[in-house]
Amino acid sequence: MSSHVPVMLEEVMDVLAPRDDAIYVDGTFGGGGYSAALLQRARCTVFGIDRDAAAIARGAPLAERFRGRLTLIHGRFSEMDSLLGARGVTQADGVALDLGVSSFQFDEASRGFSFSNDGPLDMRMNDREGQTAADLVNTLSEAELAGIIHRYGEENRARSIARALVVARPLTRTSELADIVARTIGRPPGQRIHPATRTFQGLRIAVNDELGELETGLEAATRMLKPAGRLAIVAFHSLEDRIVKRFLTERSGRKPAGSRHSPARAPGPPPSFRLIGKNPRLPSAAEMRINPRARSARLRGAERTTQTLKSPNVSGELV
């Protein structure tokens, strides 16, 4: 592997509590940091999943080092139960998810994730399927583009940006997109982040359906984990963390109390998760100094209860 530094490694290991003879799912294998730590700290078995074929290829030396204990799978973590089921594994003792883009993807200009390095306007985590960011920018209407940039990028100037992108079409390079956004909204004095940061985030999330993948993946992890199995999720922006927080709050039985404006809900099913420790956990000051990518990280952990999942109810929610 490389010098890739996994975010909040010690905190994630504290949640997962690796032990001998256990089975773990590293649903976002990336640079293999969590997988390597699990394998080093206990004589366990790990299944590393990544939708990026390049990440799976990079993990080959680690899989060879821990032959028989690390299995790498090219696929989506939202399909973890079916991917492992095809290999005869129906339950796991722990699941780790490190959401967002890996350092490798950001650093490789040809993947199109970064506005700092010029490359093709791609942004696909699995570069073998689906629409690219260029496809969206060059074919969607101004209103559709503004919706994506505002909803997923949380960009207040989304309409102005979308209008400028439509006028400038066709766009094929990350540098073109970044320059247009910068010219359109400028860079206020003292602002540290690049003006195109939120636009790139919005397009990337849309290209990869990251929020839909997360929601489906949380359900898959719930089905996959055995009683007392543990879930550790590191999120890097508010949209992801909001989904994880809502999911774990509801599944741990901590629904908000009623008021005269919002009557109390009828008792739901028994909790399927128990929250572990303080949620969310934040990276230490020392880690943030060493690894700036960790600054926005939020870790949430939970332990699976003995509650058995039933079939989806009328609304489609598993209970």
Protein backbone atom coordinates (compact mmCIF):
# COMPACT_ATOMS: atom_id res chain seq x y z
CA MET A 1 0.00 0.00 0.00
CA SER A 2 1.04 3.66 0.17
CA SER A 3 1.41 6.35 2.82
CA HIS A 4 -2.39 6.77 2.93
CA VAL A 5 -3.47 7.85 6.42
CA PRO A 6 -6.92 6.60 7.51
CA VAL A 7 -8.97 9.21 9.34
CA MET A 8 -9.73 8.67 13.06
CA LEU A 9 -8.15 5.22 12.95
CA GLU A 10 -7.85 4.73 16.71
CA GLU A 11 -11.38 5.95 17.33
CA VAL A 12 -12.77 3.61 14.66
CA MET A 13 -10.86 0.68 16.15
CA ASP A 14 -12.22 1.61 19.57
CA VAL A 15 -15.77 1.33 18.21
CA LEU A 16 -15.15 -1.92 16.32
CA ALA A 17 -13.14 -3.52 19.15
CA PRO A 18 -11.41 -6.10 16.86
CA ARG A 19 -11.17 -9.61 18.26
CA ASP A 20 -9.98 -13.02 17.14
CA ASP A 21 -12.21 -15.19 14.94
CA ALA A 22 -14.51 -12.26 14.11
CA ILE A 23 -15.63 -11.17 10.63
CA TYR A 24 -15.43 -7.50 9.61
CA VAL A 25 -16.60 -5.57 6.56
CA ASP A 26 -14.54 -2.59 5.41
CA GLY A 27 -17.20 -1.19 3.11
CA THR A 28 -15.02 1.59 1.71
CA PHE A 29 -11.64 -0.13 1.37
CA GLY A 30 -9.88 2.84 -0.25
CA GLY A 31 -6.27 2.79 0.91
CA GLY A 32 -6.84 -0.23 3.14
CA GLY A 33 -6.06 1.56 6.40
CA TYR A 34 -8.95 0.21 8.45
CA SER A 35 -8.58 -3.29 6.99
CA ALA A 36 -4.87 -3.39 7.81
CA ALA A 37 -5.47 -2.21 11.38
CA LEU A 38 -8.16 -4.83 11.97
CA LEU A 39 -5.97 -7.61 10.59
CA GLN A 40 -2.98 -6.51 12.66
CA ARG A 41 -4.87 -6.21 15.93
CA ALA A 42 -6.76 -9.49 15.89
CA ARG A 43 -6.69 -12.81 14.07
CA CYS A 44 -9.88 -11.95 12.27
CA THR A 45 -11.26 -12.07 8.72
CA VAL A 46 -11.92 -8.92 6.71
CA PHE A 47 -13.91 -8.35 3.53
CA GLY A 48 -12.83 -5.12 1.83
CA ILE A 49 -15.36 -3.64 -0.60
CA ASP A 50 -14.82 -0.73 -2.98
CA ARG A 51 -16.66 0.44 -6.08
CA ASP A 52 -13.34 1.76 -7.44
CA ALA A 53 -11.48 -1.02 -9.26
CA ALA A 54 -8.20 0.87 -8.78
CA ALA A 55 -8.57 0.62 -4.99
CA ILE A 56 -9.08 -3.13 -5.24
CA ALA A 57 -5.98 -3.44 -7.43
CA ARG A 58 -3.90 -1.37 -4.98
CA GLY A 59 -4.99 -3.67 -2.17
CA ALA A 60 -3.50 -6.79 -3.78
CA PRO A 61 -0.25 -6.69 -1.74
CA LEU A 62 -2.21 -6.39 1.51
CA ALA A 63 -4.44 -9.29 0.50
CA GLU A 64 -1.35 -11.35 -0.26
CA ARG A 65 0.21 -10.42 3.07
CA PHE A 66 -2.94 -11.57 4.90
CA ARG A 67 -3.80 -14.39 2.53
CA GLY A 68 -6.92 -16.23 3.60
CA ARG A 69 -7.93 -13.45 5.97
CA LEU A 70 -8.52 -10.51 3.60
CA THR A 71 -10.87 -10.79 0.64
CA LEU A 72 -11.22 -7.83 -1.71
CA ILE A 73 -14.48 -7.30 -3.58
CA HIS A 74 -15.21 -4.84 -6.38
CA GLY A 75 -18.70 -3.55 -5.67
CA ARG A 76 -20.90 -1.19 -3.68
CA PHE A 77 -21.11 -1.30 0.11
CA SER A 78 -24.86 -0.93 -0.25
CA GLU A 79 -24.80 -4.51 -1.58
CA MET A 80 -22.56 -5.91 1.17
CA ASP A 81 -25.04 -8.56 2.30
CA SER A 82 -25.48 -9.98 -1.20
CA LEU A 83 -21.75 -9.68 -2.03
CA LEU A 84 -20.77 -11.58 1.12
CA GLY A 85 -23.73 -13.93 0.85
CA ALA A 86 -22.40 -15.08 -2.51
CA ARG A 87 -19.26 -16.09 -0.62
CA GLY A 88 -21.13 -17.99 2.06
CA VAL A 89 -21.02 -15.25 4.70
CA THR A 90 -24.35 -14.10 6.12
CA GLN A 91 -23.33 -12.19 9.26
CA ALA A 92 -20.51 -9.94 10.39
CA ASP A 93 -19.18 -8.74 13.73
CA GLY A 94 -18.39 -5.25 12.51
CA VAL A 95 -18.83 -2.84 9.60
CA ALA A 96 -16.71 0.25 8.91
CA LEU A 97 -17.64 2.99 6.42
CA ASP A 98 -15.38 5.94 5.55
CA LEU A 99 -17.63 8.07 3.37
CA GLY A 100 -16.71 10.41 0.55
CA VAL A 101 -13.71 10.49 -1.77
CA SER A 102 -10.41 8.80 -0.99
CA SER A 103 -7.09 10.65 -1.04
CA PHE A 104 -6.04 8.55 -4.03
CA GLN A 105 -9.03 9.71 -6.06
CA PHE A 106 -8.40 13.35 -5.20
CA ASP A 107 -4.71 13.10 -6.03
CA GLU A 108 -5.16 11.38 -9.41
CA ALA A 109 -5.99 14.18 -11.86
CA SER A 110 -7.36 11.77 -14.46
CA ARG A 111 -10.28 10.89 -12.14
CA GLY A 112 -11.62 14.43 -12.29
CA PHE A 113 -12.40 14.92 -8.58
CA SER A 114 -10.05 17.83 -7.92
CA PHE A 115 -10.18 21.45 -9.03
CA SER A 116 -6.51 21.79 -8.05
CA ASN A 117 -5.25 19.47 -10.82
CA ASP A 118 -6.62 19.72 -14.33
CA GLY A 119 -8.19 16.54 -15.64
CA PRO A 120 -11.23 15.19 -17.48
CA LEU A 121 -14.54 16.18 -15.90
CA ASP A 122 -15.37 12.65 -14.70
CA MET A 123 -15.85 12.21 -10.92
CA ARG A 124 -17.10 8.60 -11.11
CA MET A 125 -15.96 6.40 -8.23
CA ASN A 126 -16.48 3.44 -10.53
CA ASP A 127 -15.04 4.75 -13.78
CA ARG A 128 -16.44 1.79 -15.69
CA GLU A 129 -20.11 2.73 -15.44
CA GLY A 130 -22.59 5.59 -15.20
CA GLN A 131 -22.68 9.21 -16.29
CA THR A 132 -19.73 11.52 -15.78
CA ALA A 133 -19.83 15.02 -14.35
CA ALA A 134 -19.34 16.28 -17.92
CA ASP A 135 -22.48 14.40 -18.97
CA LEU A 136 -24.49 16.20 -16.27
CA VAL A 137 -22.99 19.63 -16.88
CA ASN A 138 -23.50 19.43 -20.64
CA THR A 139 -26.98 17.89 -20.79
CA LEU A 140 -29.02 18.97 -17.76
CA SER A 141 -31.16 22.08 -17.82
CA GLU A 142 -30.10 25.18 -15.94
CA ALA A 143 -32.74 24.49 -13.29
CA GLU A 144 -31.62 20.87 -12.86
CA LEU A 145 -27.97 21.90 -12.51
CA ALA A 146 -28.85 24.60 -9.99
CA GLY A 147 -30.85 22.05 -8.00
CA ILE A 148 -27.92 19.64 -7.80
CA ILE A 149 -25.40 22.32 -6.86
CA HIS A 150 -27.70 23.81 -4.23
CA ARG A 151 -29.04 20.54 -2.76
CA TYR A 152 -25.85 18.49 -2.70
CA GLY A 153 -23.23 21.25 -2.67
CA GLU A 154 -25.15 23.52 -0.29
CA GLU A 155 -24.10 26.41 -2.54
CA ASN A 156 -26.14 29.60 -2.14
CA ARG A 157 -25.07 30.95 -5.55
CA ALA A 158 -26.19 27.81 -7.37
CA ARG A 159 -28.45 29.62 -9.86
CA SER A 160 -25.73 32.00 -10.99
CA ILE A 161 -23.25 29.14 -11.33
CA ALA A 162 -25.67 26.95 -13.30
CA ARG A 163 -26.46 29.84 -15.65
CA ALA A 164 -22.75 30.42 -16.31
CA LEU A 165 -22.10 26.71 -16.91
CA VAL A 166 -24.92 26.46 -19.45
CA VAL A 167 -23.61 29.49 -21.35
CA ALA A 168 -20.09 28.03 -21.43
CA ARG A 169 -21.06 24.55 -22.64
CA PRO A 170 -19.61 22.18 -23.69
CA LEU A 171 -17.22 21.66 -20.75
CA THR A 172 -14.79 18.75 -20.58
CA ARG A 173 -12.07 19.69 -18.06
CA THR A 174 -12.03 20.26 -14.30
CA SER A 175 -10.02 23.46 -14.77
CA GLU A 176 -12.74 24.89 -17.02
CA LEU A 177 -15.42 24.21 -14.44
CA ALA A 178 -13.34 25.60 -11.57
CA ASP A 179 -12.46 28.79 -13.50
CA ILE A 180 -16.07 29.48 -14.48
CA VAL A 181 -17.29 29.09 -10.91
CA ALA A 182 -14.48 31.30 -9.58
CA ARG A 183 -15.25 34.03 -12.12
CA THR A 184 -18.97 33.81 -11.41
CA ILE A 185 -18.99 34.08 -7.62
CA GLY A 186 -15.52 35.39 -6.86
CA ARG A 187 -13.53 34.70 -3.73
CA PRO A 188 -14.32 36.86 -0.71
CA PRO A 189 -11.26 38.14 1.20
CA GLY A 190 -10.17 35.71 3.87
CA GLN A 191 -12.10 32.76 2.45
CA ARG A 192 -9.93 29.66 2.68
CA ILE A 193 -11.84 27.25 0.50
CA HIS A 194 -11.81 27.47 -3.29
CA PRO A 195 -15.01 29.02 -4.74
CA ALA A 196 -15.67 25.81 -6.71
CA THR A 197 -15.51 23.48 -3.69
CA ARG A 198 -19.26 23.24 -3.17
CA THR A 199 -20.02 22.94 -6.88
CA PHE A 200 -17.57 20.05 -7.24
CA GLN A 201 -19.07 18.40 -4.17
CA GLY A 202 -22.60 18.71 -5.50
CA LEU A 203 -21.77 17.25 -8.90
CA ARG A 204 -19.72 14.42 -7.37
CA ILE A 205 -22.53 13.41 -5.02
CA ALA A 206 -25.00 13.42 -7.91
CA VAL A 207 -22.72 11.44 -10.24
CA ASN A 208 -22.21 8.70 -7.66
CA ASP A 209 -25.62 8.86 -5.93
CA GLU A 210 -23.66 9.02 -2.68
CA LEU A 211 -26.59 9.84 -0.40
CA GLY A 212 -28.77 7.11 -1.87
CA GLU A 213 -25.86 4.69 -1.56
CA LEU A 214 -25.46 5.65 2.09
CA GLU A 215 -29.13 5.18 2.94
CA THR A 216 -29.20 1.78 1.24
CA GLY A 217 -25.87 0.86 2.81
CA LEU A 218 -27.12 1.56 6.33
CA GLU A 219 -29.96 -0.88 5.76
CA ALA A 220 -27.54 -3.47 4.36
CA ALA A 221 -25.26 -3.08 7.38
CA THR A 222 -28.24 -3.55 9.69
CA ARG A 223 -29.10 -6.83 7.99
CA MET A 224 -25.45 -7.92 7.94
CA LEU A 225 -24.54 -7.31 11.58
CA LYS A 226 -25.12 -10.05 14.12
CA PRO A 227 -26.31 -9.20 17.65
CA ALA A 228 -23.57 -7.17 19.41
CA GLY A 229 -21.99 -6.47 16.00
CA ARG A 230 -20.66 -2.95 15.69
CA LEU A 231 -21.03 -0.19 13.12
CA ALA A 232 -18.51 2.66 12.70
CA ILE A 233 -19.21 5.44 10.18
CA VAL A 234 -16.97 8.40 9.40
CA ALA A 235 -18.71 11.23 7.52
CA PHE A 236 -17.10 14.37 6.12
CA HIS A 237 -19.96 16.74 5.40
CA SER A 238 -23.28 17.66 6.93
CA LEU A 239 -25.48 15.89 4.36
CA GLU A 240 -23.89 12.51 5.07
CA ASP A 241 -23.69 13.02 8.81
CA ARG A 242 -27.33 14.12 8.95
CA ILE A 243 -28.44 10.86 7.31
CA VAL A 244 -26.31 8.76 9.66
CA LYS A 245 -27.47 10.69 12.74
CA ARG A 246 -31.14 10.38 11.81
CA PHE A 247 -30.80 6.68 11.04
CA LEU A 248 -29.04 5.80 14.30
CA THR A 249 -31.27 8.06 16.37
CA GLU A 250 -34.40 6.38 15.03
CA ARG A 251 -32.99 2.85 15.14
CA SER A 252 -31.77 3.30 18.72
CA GLY A 253 -35.25 4.30 19.85
CA ARG A 254 -34.30 7.90 20.59
CA LYS A 255 -37.12 9.61 18.72
CA PRO A 256 -37.86 13.19 19.80
CA ALA A 257 -40.53 13.70 22.43
CA GLY A 258 -43.89 15.10 21.39
CA SER A 259 -45.17 18.64 21.93
CA ARG A 260 -48.45 20.47 21.32
CA HIS A 261 -47.20 21.24 17.82
CA SER A 262 -45.92 17.72 17.14
CA PRO A 263 -47.76 15.00 19.06
CA ALA A 264 -45.78 12.05 20.37
CA ARG A 265 -45.59 9.13 17.99
CA ALA A 266 -46.94 5.73 18.81
CA PRO A 267 -44.29 3.36 20.19
CA GLY A 268 -42.23 1.87 17.38
CA PRO A 269 -40.44 -1.45 17.13
CA PRO A 270 -37.75 -2.34 19.68
CA PRO A 271 -34.40 -0.63 18.95
CA SER A 272 -32.12 -2.39 16.47
CA PHE A 273 -29.05 -0.40 17.58
CA ARG A 274 -27.51 0.91 20.79
CA LEU A 275 -25.35 4.02 20.46
CA ILE A 276 -21.71 3.63 21.53
CA GLY A 277 -20.17 6.44 23.52
CA LYS A 278 -20.37 10.05 22.50
CA ASN A 279 -21.93 10.67 19.09
CA PRO A 280 -20.41 12.17 17.11
CA ARG A 281 -16.76 11.75 17.99
CA LEU A 282 -14.41 14.37 16.59
CA PRO A 283 -10.76 14.02 15.52
CA SER A 284 -8.13 15.14 17.95
CA ALA A 285 -6.30 18.44 17.51
CA ALA A 286 -3.10 16.47 16.93
CA GLU A 287 -4.65 14.47 14.09
CA MET A 288 -6.05 17.59 12.45
CA ARG A 289 -2.59 19.14 12.47
CA ILE A 290 -1.04 16.08 10.86
CA ASN A 291 -3.90 15.26 8.48
CA PRO A 292 -5.94 18.32 7.37
CA ARG A 293 -8.50 16.02 5.69
CA ALA A 294 -9.62 14.96 9.16
CA ARG A 295 -10.87 18.42 10.12
CA SER A 296 -14.45 17.86 8.99
CA ALA A 297 -14.66 14.18 10.05
CA ARG A 298 -17.46 12.99 12.32
CA LEU A 299 -17.52 9.43 13.67
CA ARG A 300 -20.70 7.74 14.87
CA GLY A 301 -20.75 4.27 16.36
CA ALA A 302 -23.48 1.84 17.32
CA GLU A 303 -23.92 -1.77 18.42
CA ARG A 304 -26.53 -4.10 16.93
CA THR A 305 -29.18 -5.34 19.33
CA THR A 306 -30.95 -8.68 19.21
CA GLN A 307 -33.96 -7.15 17.44
CA THR A 308 -34.79 -9.27 14.38
CA LEU A 309 -35.52 -7.43 11.16
CA LYS A 310 -38.85 -8.18 9.56
CA SER A 311 -39.97 -7.68 6.00
CA PRO A 312 -40.37 -4.07 4.75
CA ASN A 313 -43.58 -2.41 5.95
CA VAL A 314 -46.01 -0.54 3.74
CA SER A 315 -43.72 2.51 3.53
CA GLY A 316 -40.77 0.32 2.59
CA GLU A 317 -38.95 0.76 5.92
CA LEU A 318 -37.41 -2.31 7.51
CA VAL A 319 -38.59 -2.73 11.09
